[in-house]
Every structure is written in C-alpha cells, then in structure tokens.
Amino acid sequence: MELDVEAFQPPGGVARGMFGTRGMEGIGGRLTLTSTALWFHAHRLNFVRAEFGIPLDQVVEVRNASRGLSRQIEVVMQSGARPRFLVWGVPTVIAAIDEAGRRLH
C-alpha cells in the first residue's frame, strides 16, 4: 500500500511554520506501508533526501495529530520517538497501519 506524504519531522527539525507544521522540515515524498514496516522515501527534488523505515513491531500507537488545515499522523514508537507525517485521509492511513501491526502479532 502506498500513501502520499507531504512532509515529515526529522530529529531536530527546522521551523517552517506552514499550516501547523512549526518545528518541521517540509520534505515531500512517499510513505509506503509493507507487512513489516512503514517506509518514507523523499522525492529526488528535495535538498534533504531522507529515507527511513519504522518497523511495525516498534509502533506503540498511531494517532491523529492534525492541527488547523494540516492533516497529520504521529507515530509513537517504543523508543519514544514520535515522527509526524502530513497525509491525506488520516483515518484511512491510521486504520491501515493499525491493521498491518495487528497482522504481525
């Protein structure tokens, strides 16, 4: 399953202040949900070309972190990290990640 992502919050993110994304570096890319992980792949045109995966067995909770016009999810990990993603269809994305996590157990 592939989900479009407009931005994510890297560690020590840079403040941009666009539509509720203060403290975040806006990086466009694609979020891909596999049976074992949630992967982010930045678009080639970004200055920062982030690519990382979040193992689903490390996800404690996925919650709606939307503010104002900004539709966001926050992925709470066992390590305490809380990466955020701007996505369309927040409830659908959360349900898909939750279902994939349940299938692991």
Protein backbone atom coordinates (compact mmCIF):
# COMPACT_ATOMS: atom_id res chain seq x y z
CA MET A 1 0.00 0.00 0.00
CA GLU A 2 1.42 3.41 -0.93
CA LEU A 3 0.37 6.64 0.76
CA ASP A 4 1.35 10.14 -0.37
CA VAL A 5 3.23 12.21 2.20
CA GLU A 6 3.95 15.92 2.06
CA ALA A 7 6.35 16.30 4.98
CA PHE A 8 7.89 14.61 7.97
CA GLN A 9 9.56 15.72 11.16
CA PRO A 10 13.24 14.79 11.24
CA PRO A 11 15.17 14.84 14.50
CA GLY A 12 15.92 18.49 15.31
CA GLY A 13 13.56 19.68 12.56
CA VAL A 14 13.82 23.20 11.17
CA ALA A 15 10.95 25.63 11.88
CA ARG A 16 8.92 26.45 8.80
CA GLY A 17 5.53 27.38 10.29
CA MET A 18 3.37 26.32 7.35
CA PHE A 19 -0.22 25.37 8.25
CA GLY A 20 0.51 23.88 11.66
CA THR A 21 3.89 22.37 10.85
CA ARG A 22 6.02 24.52 13.15
CA GLY A 23 9.24 22.77 14.12
CA MET A 24 9.23 20.62 11.00
CA GLU A 25 11.29 20.49 7.88
CA GLY A 26 8.90 20.17 4.93
CA ILE A 27 10.09 17.29 2.77
CA GLY A 28 7.89 15.81 0.07
CA GLY A 29 7.91 12.11 -0.56
CA ARG A 30 6.07 8.83 -0.45
CA LEU A 31 5.06 6.79 2.55
CA THR A 32 4.87 3.05 1.85
CA LEU A 33 3.27 0.57 4.21
CA THR A 34 4.57 -3.00 3.94
CA SER A 35 3.65 -6.02 6.03
CA THR A 36 6.54 -5.27 8.41
CA ALA A 37 7.40 -1.55 8.20
CA LEU A 38 6.33 1.97 7.33
CA TRP A 39 8.86 3.43 4.85
CA PHE A 40 9.42 7.07 3.90
CA HIS A 41 11.19 7.91 0.63
CA ALA A 42 11.85 11.60 -0.11
CA HIS A 43 11.32 12.98 -3.61
CA ARG A 44 14.51 13.49 -5.61
CA LEU A 45 13.97 17.25 -5.81
CA ASN A 46 14.30 17.74 -2.04
CA PHE A 47 17.50 19.22 -0.64
CA VAL A 48 17.34 16.60 2.13
CA ARG A 49 16.80 13.13 0.67
CA ALA A 50 15.60 11.22 3.68
CA GLU A 51 14.76 7.55 3.51
CA PHE A 52 13.92 5.55 6.58
CA GLY A 53 11.73 2.75 7.85
CA ILE A 54 9.75 2.31 11.03
CA PRO A 55 9.38 -1.37 11.99
CA LEU A 56 5.72 -2.02 12.78
CA ASP A 57 6.67 -4.08 15.84
CA GLN A 58 8.19 -0.88 17.29
CA VAL A 59 4.99 1.16 16.84
CA VAL A 60 3.08 1.73 20.10
CA GLU A 61 0.36 3.97 18.67
CA VAL A 62 -0.57 5.92 15.56
CA ARG A 63 -2.69 8.94 16.34
CA ASN A 64 -4.35 11.85 14.60
CA ALA A 65 -2.14 14.89 15.27
CA SER A 66 -3.94 17.26 12.88
CA ARG A 67 -3.95 20.99 13.59
CA GLY A 68 -5.90 23.61 11.71
CA LEU A 69 -5.72 22.83 7.99
CA SER A 70 -2.80 20.43 8.40
CA ARG A 71 -3.77 16.71 8.34
CA GLN A 72 -1.09 14.83 10.30
CA ILE A 73 -0.43 11.48 11.91
CA GLU A 74 2.02 10.92 14.73
CA VAL A 75 3.68 7.52 15.04
CA VAL A 76 4.60 6.82 18.68
CA MET A 77 7.47 4.34 18.86
CA GLN A 78 8.76 2.18 21.73
CA SER A 79 11.97 4.26 21.74
CA GLY A 80 9.94 7.39 22.50
CA ALA A 81 10.48 8.85 19.02
CA ARG A 82 7.37 10.47 17.53
CA PRO A 83 7.80 11.12 13.81
CA ARG A 84 4.93 13.06 12.19
CA PHE A 85 3.67 12.85 8.64
CA LEU A 86 1.33 15.13 6.71
CA VAL A 87 -1.09 12.85 4.88
CA TRP A 88 -4.45 12.91 3.14
CA GLY A 89 -7.08 10.60 4.60
CA VAL A 90 -5.80 10.44 8.17
CA PRO A 91 -8.40 7.89 9.42
CA THR A 92 -7.69 5.57 6.48
CA VAL A 93 -3.92 5.78 6.98
CA ILE A 94 -4.22 5.12 10.73
CA ALA A 95 -6.54 2.15 10.13
CA ALA A 96 -4.15 0.66 7.53
CA ILE A 97 -1.11 0.95 9.83
CA ASP A 98 -3.07 -0.45 12.80
CA GLU A 99 -4.28 -3.41 10.71
CA ALA A 100 -0.78 -4.18 9.42
CA GLY A 101 0.53 -4.06 13.01
CA ARG A 102 -2.19 -6.46 14.21
CA ARG A 103 -1.27 -8.93 11.49
CA LEU A 104 2.28 -9.12 12.87
CA HIS A 105 1.05 -10.44 16.19
